[in-house]
Amino acid sequence: MTAEALSKVIVKGMEERKASDIVVMDLRGLKNSFTDFFVICSGNSDTQIEAISESVEAEVQKTNKEKPWRSEGKNNKEWILMDYVNVVVHIFLKDKRQFYGLEELWGDAEVKHID
């Protein structure tokens, strides 16, 4: 499965749990990028961001039989990162997303907002 197709599966998993402000950032054209895509979303509570991460993992497992290579943040439930190597998933509490500002850090990336 291509990284672009995987990012679409990840978005579907996010949408299943009513994630907000979903953004797909294409990093393939950037020098020194370590992955092809970031898929970023927000949740309203620690319970919701945990549910979003579980939904993403289930959707990818069902479609691609793949688990994240690495996952972090499930204990503190403020920012969950799931690394699928070519696609990195970031699930934030809304205030933490604004604080870290990943979209601004990777401002040269092509950004697609999901409605």
C-alpha atoms as a PDB file:
ATOM      1  CA  MET A   1       0.000   0.000   0.000  1.00  0.00           C
ATOM      2  CA  THR A   2       1.343   3.415  -0.900  1.00  0.00           C
ATOM      3  CA  ALA A   3       1.845   6.091   1.725  1.00  0.00           C
ATOM      4  CA  GLU A   4      -0.863   8.182   0.087  1.00  0.00           C
ATOM      5  CA  ALA A   5      -3.375   5.309   0.246  1.00  0.00           C
ATOM      6  CA  LEU A   6      -2.405   4.623   3.857  1.00  0.00           C
ATOM      7  CA  SER A   7      -3.024   8.257   4.780  1.00  0.00           C
ATOM      8  CA  LYS A   8      -6.571   7.940   3.375  1.00  0.00           C
ATOM      9  CA  VAL A   9      -7.201   4.852   5.518  1.00  0.00           C
ATOM     10  CA  ILE A  10      -5.926   6.747   8.562  1.00  0.00           C
ATOM     11  CA  VAL A  11      -8.274   9.668   7.819  1.00  0.00           C
ATOM     12  CA  LYS A  12     -11.164   7.208   7.647  1.00  0.00           C
ATOM     13  CA  GLY A  13     -10.265   5.882  11.100  1.00  0.00           C
ATOM     14  CA  MET A  14     -10.165   9.431  12.450  1.00  0.00           C
ATOM     15  CA  GLU A  15     -13.528  10.282  10.928  1.00  0.00           C
ATOM     16  CA  GLU A  16     -15.071   7.188  12.542  1.00  0.00           C
ATOM     17  CA  ARG A  17     -14.459   8.773  15.961  1.00  0.00           C
ATOM     18  CA  LYS A  18     -15.438  12.343  15.010  1.00  0.00           C
ATOM     19  CA  ALA A  19     -11.907  13.780  15.032  1.00  0.00           C
ATOM     20  CA  SER A  20     -11.821  17.492  14.240  1.00  0.00           C
ATOM     21  CA  ASP A  21      -9.494  19.650  12.134  1.00  0.00           C
ATOM     22  CA  ILE A  22      -8.060  16.721  10.156  1.00  0.00           C
ATOM     23  CA  VAL A  23      -5.067  17.738   8.053  1.00  0.00           C
ATOM     24  CA  VAL A  24      -2.933  15.662   5.682  1.00  0.00           C
ATOM     25  CA  MET A  25       0.521  17.154   5.118  1.00  0.00           C
ATOM     26  CA  ASP A  26       2.484  15.910   2.103  1.00  0.00           C
ATOM     27  CA  LEU A  27       6.170  16.063   3.041  1.00  0.00           C
ATOM     28  CA  ARG A  28       7.519  14.173   0.029  1.00  0.00           C
ATOM     29  CA  GLY A  29       8.792  17.304  -1.701  1.00  0.00           C
ATOM     30  CA  LEU A  30      10.630  18.672   1.324  1.00  0.00           C
ATOM     31  CA  LYS A  31      14.323  18.321   1.857  1.00  0.00           C
ATOM     32  CA  ASN A  32      15.273  16.452   5.052  1.00  0.00           C
ATOM     33  CA  SER A  33      11.790  15.052   5.698  1.00  0.00           C
ATOM     34  CA  PHE A  34      11.865  11.693   7.434  1.00  0.00           C
ATOM     35  CA  THR A  35       8.413  10.539   6.323  1.00  0.00           C
ATOM     36  CA  ASP A  36       6.069  11.022   3.375  1.00  0.00           C
ATOM     37  CA  PHE A  37       2.969  12.241   5.204  1.00  0.00           C
ATOM     38  CA  PHE A  38       1.798  13.642   8.518  1.00  0.00           C
ATOM     39  CA  VAL A  39      -1.877  13.099   9.302  1.00  0.00           C
ATOM     40  CA  ILE A  40      -2.927  15.392  12.136  1.00  0.00           C
ATOM     41  CA  CYS A  41      -6.213  15.740  13.998  1.00  0.00           C
ATOM     42  CA  SER A  42      -7.670  17.027  17.246  1.00  0.00           C
ATOM     43  CA  GLY A  43      -9.952  15.581  19.879  1.00  0.00           C
ATOM     44  CA  ASN A  44     -11.943  17.231  22.645  1.00  0.00           C
ATOM     45  CA  SER A  45     -10.902  14.951  25.515  1.00  0.00           C
ATOM     46  CA  ASP A  46      -8.322  12.359  26.483  1.00  0.00           C
ATOM     47  CA  THR A  47     -11.018   9.709  26.050  1.00  0.00           C
ATOM     48  CA  GLN A  48     -11.730  10.858  22.505  1.00  0.00           C
ATOM     49  CA  ILE A  49      -8.080  10.963  21.417  1.00  0.00           C
ATOM     50  CA  GLU A  50      -7.601   7.451  22.777  1.00  0.00           C
ATOM     51  CA  ALA A  51     -10.694   6.298  20.836  1.00  0.00           C
ATOM     52  CA  ILE A  52      -9.374   7.984  17.674  1.00  0.00           C
ATOM     53  CA  SER A  53      -6.019   6.216  17.998  1.00  0.00           C
ATOM     54  CA  GLU A  54      -7.742   2.853  18.518  1.00  0.00           C
ATOM     55  CA  SER A  55      -9.960   3.484  15.486  1.00  0.00           C
ATOM     56  CA  VAL A  56      -6.969   4.404  13.293  1.00  0.00           C
ATOM     57  CA  GLU A  57      -5.089   1.303  14.396  1.00  0.00           C
ATOM     58  CA  ALA A  58      -8.121  -0.936  13.750  1.00  0.00           C
ATOM     59  CA  GLU A  59      -8.782   0.589  10.322  1.00  0.00           C
ATOM     60  CA  VAL A  60      -5.151   0.168   9.212  1.00  0.00           C
ATOM     61  CA  GLN A  61      -5.035  -3.373  10.608  1.00  0.00           C
ATOM     62  CA  LYS A  62      -8.255  -4.278   8.760  1.00  0.00           C
ATOM     63  CA  THR A  63      -7.173  -2.725   5.460  1.00  0.00           C
ATOM     64  CA  ASN A  64      -3.439  -3.331   5.420  1.00  0.00           C
ATOM     65  CA  LYS A  65      -2.725  -5.924   8.136  1.00  0.00           C
ATOM     66  CA  GLU A  66      -0.181  -3.517   9.593  1.00  0.00           C
ATOM     67  CA  LYS A  67       0.461  -2.245  13.114  1.00  0.00           C
ATOM     68  CA  PRO A  68       2.305   0.963  13.921  1.00  0.00           C
ATOM     69  CA  TRP A  69       6.062   0.570  13.959  1.00  0.00           C
ATOM     70  CA  ARG A  70       6.070   2.758  17.070  1.00  0.00           C
ATOM     71  CA  SER A  71       3.427   4.472  19.171  1.00  0.00           C
ATOM     72  CA  GLU A  72       3.807   7.015  21.964  1.00  0.00           C
ATOM     73  CA  GLY A  73       1.652   9.158  24.219  1.00  0.00           C
ATOM     74  CA  LYS A  74      -1.080   6.682  25.101  1.00  0.00           C
ATOM     75  CA  ASN A  75      -0.317   7.068  28.814  1.00  0.00           C
ATOM     76  CA  ASN A  76      -0.640  10.841  29.109  1.00  0.00           C
ATOM     77  CA  LYS A  77      -3.337  11.129  26.397  1.00  0.00           C
ATOM     78  CA  GLU A  78      -2.502  14.683  25.313  1.00  0.00           C
ATOM     79  CA  TRP A  79      -0.625  13.916  22.091  1.00  0.00           C
ATOM     80  CA  ILE A  80      -0.642  10.415  20.647  1.00  0.00           C
ATOM     81  CA  LEU A  81       1.898   9.701  17.928  1.00  0.00           C
ATOM     82  CA  MET A  82       1.607   6.607  15.739  1.00  0.00           C
ATOM     83  CA  ASP A  83       4.488   5.906  13.367  1.00  0.00           C
ATOM     84  CA  TYR A  84       3.694   3.847  10.276  1.00  0.00           C
ATOM     85  CA  VAL A  85       7.154   4.738   8.843  1.00  0.00           C
ATOM     86  CA  ASN A  86       5.932   6.451   5.636  1.00  0.00           C
ATOM     87  CA  VAL A  87       2.988   8.059   7.434  1.00  0.00           C
ATOM     88  CA  VAL A  88       3.137   9.559  10.924  1.00  0.00           C
ATOM     89  CA  VAL A  89      -0.139  10.139  12.766  1.00  0.00           C
ATOM     90  CA  HIS A  90      -0.514  12.931  15.349  1.00  0.00           C
ATOM     91  CA  ILE A  91      -3.646  12.985  17.518  1.00  0.00           C
ATOM     92  CA  PHE A  92      -3.795  16.020  19.801  1.00  0.00           C
ATOM     93  CA  LEU A  93      -5.942  17.558  22.455  1.00  0.00           C
ATOM     94  CA  LYS A  94      -6.916  20.893  20.900  1.00  0.00           C
ATOM     95  CA  ASP A  95      -4.840  23.110  23.213  1.00  0.00           C
ATOM     96  CA  LYS A  96      -1.735  20.920  22.837  1.00  0.00           C
ATOM     97  CA  ARG A  97      -2.010  21.073  19.057  1.00  0.00           C
ATOM     98  CA  GLN A  98      -2.008  24.866  19.141  1.00  0.00           C
ATOM     99  CA  PHE A  99       0.922  24.870  21.577  1.00  0.00           C
ATOM    100  CA  TYR A 100       3.169  22.608  19.456  1.00  0.00           C
ATOM    101  CA  GLY A 101       2.121  24.057  16.071  1.00  0.00           C
ATOM    102  CA  LEU A 102       3.320  21.248  13.799  1.00  0.00           C
ATOM    103  CA  GLU A 103       1.591  22.810  10.809  1.00  0.00           C
ATOM    104  CA  GLU A 104       3.747  25.921  11.234  1.00  0.00           C
ATOM    105  CA  LEU A 105       6.965  23.939  11.747  1.00  0.00           C
ATOM    106  CA  TRP A 106       6.411  22.146   8.435  1.00  0.00           C
ATOM    107  CA  GLY A 107       4.966  25.206   6.703  1.00  0.00           C
ATOM    108  CA  ASP A 108       6.453  24.354   3.289  1.00  0.00           C
ATOM    109  CA  ALA A 109       4.483  21.114   3.076  1.00  0.00           C
ATOM    110  CA  GLU A 110       1.467  20.746   0.826  1.00  0.00           C
ATOM    111  CA  VAL A 111      -1.523  20.778   3.203  1.00  0.00           C
ATOM    112  CA  LYS A 112      -4.925  19.268   2.582  1.00  0.00           C
ATOM    113  CA  HIS A 113      -7.747  20.032   5.033  1.00  0.00           C
ATOM    114  CA  ILE A 114     -10.365  17.284   5.362  1.00  0.00           C
ATOM    115  CA  ASP A 115     -13.954  18.478   5.778  1.00  0.00           C
END
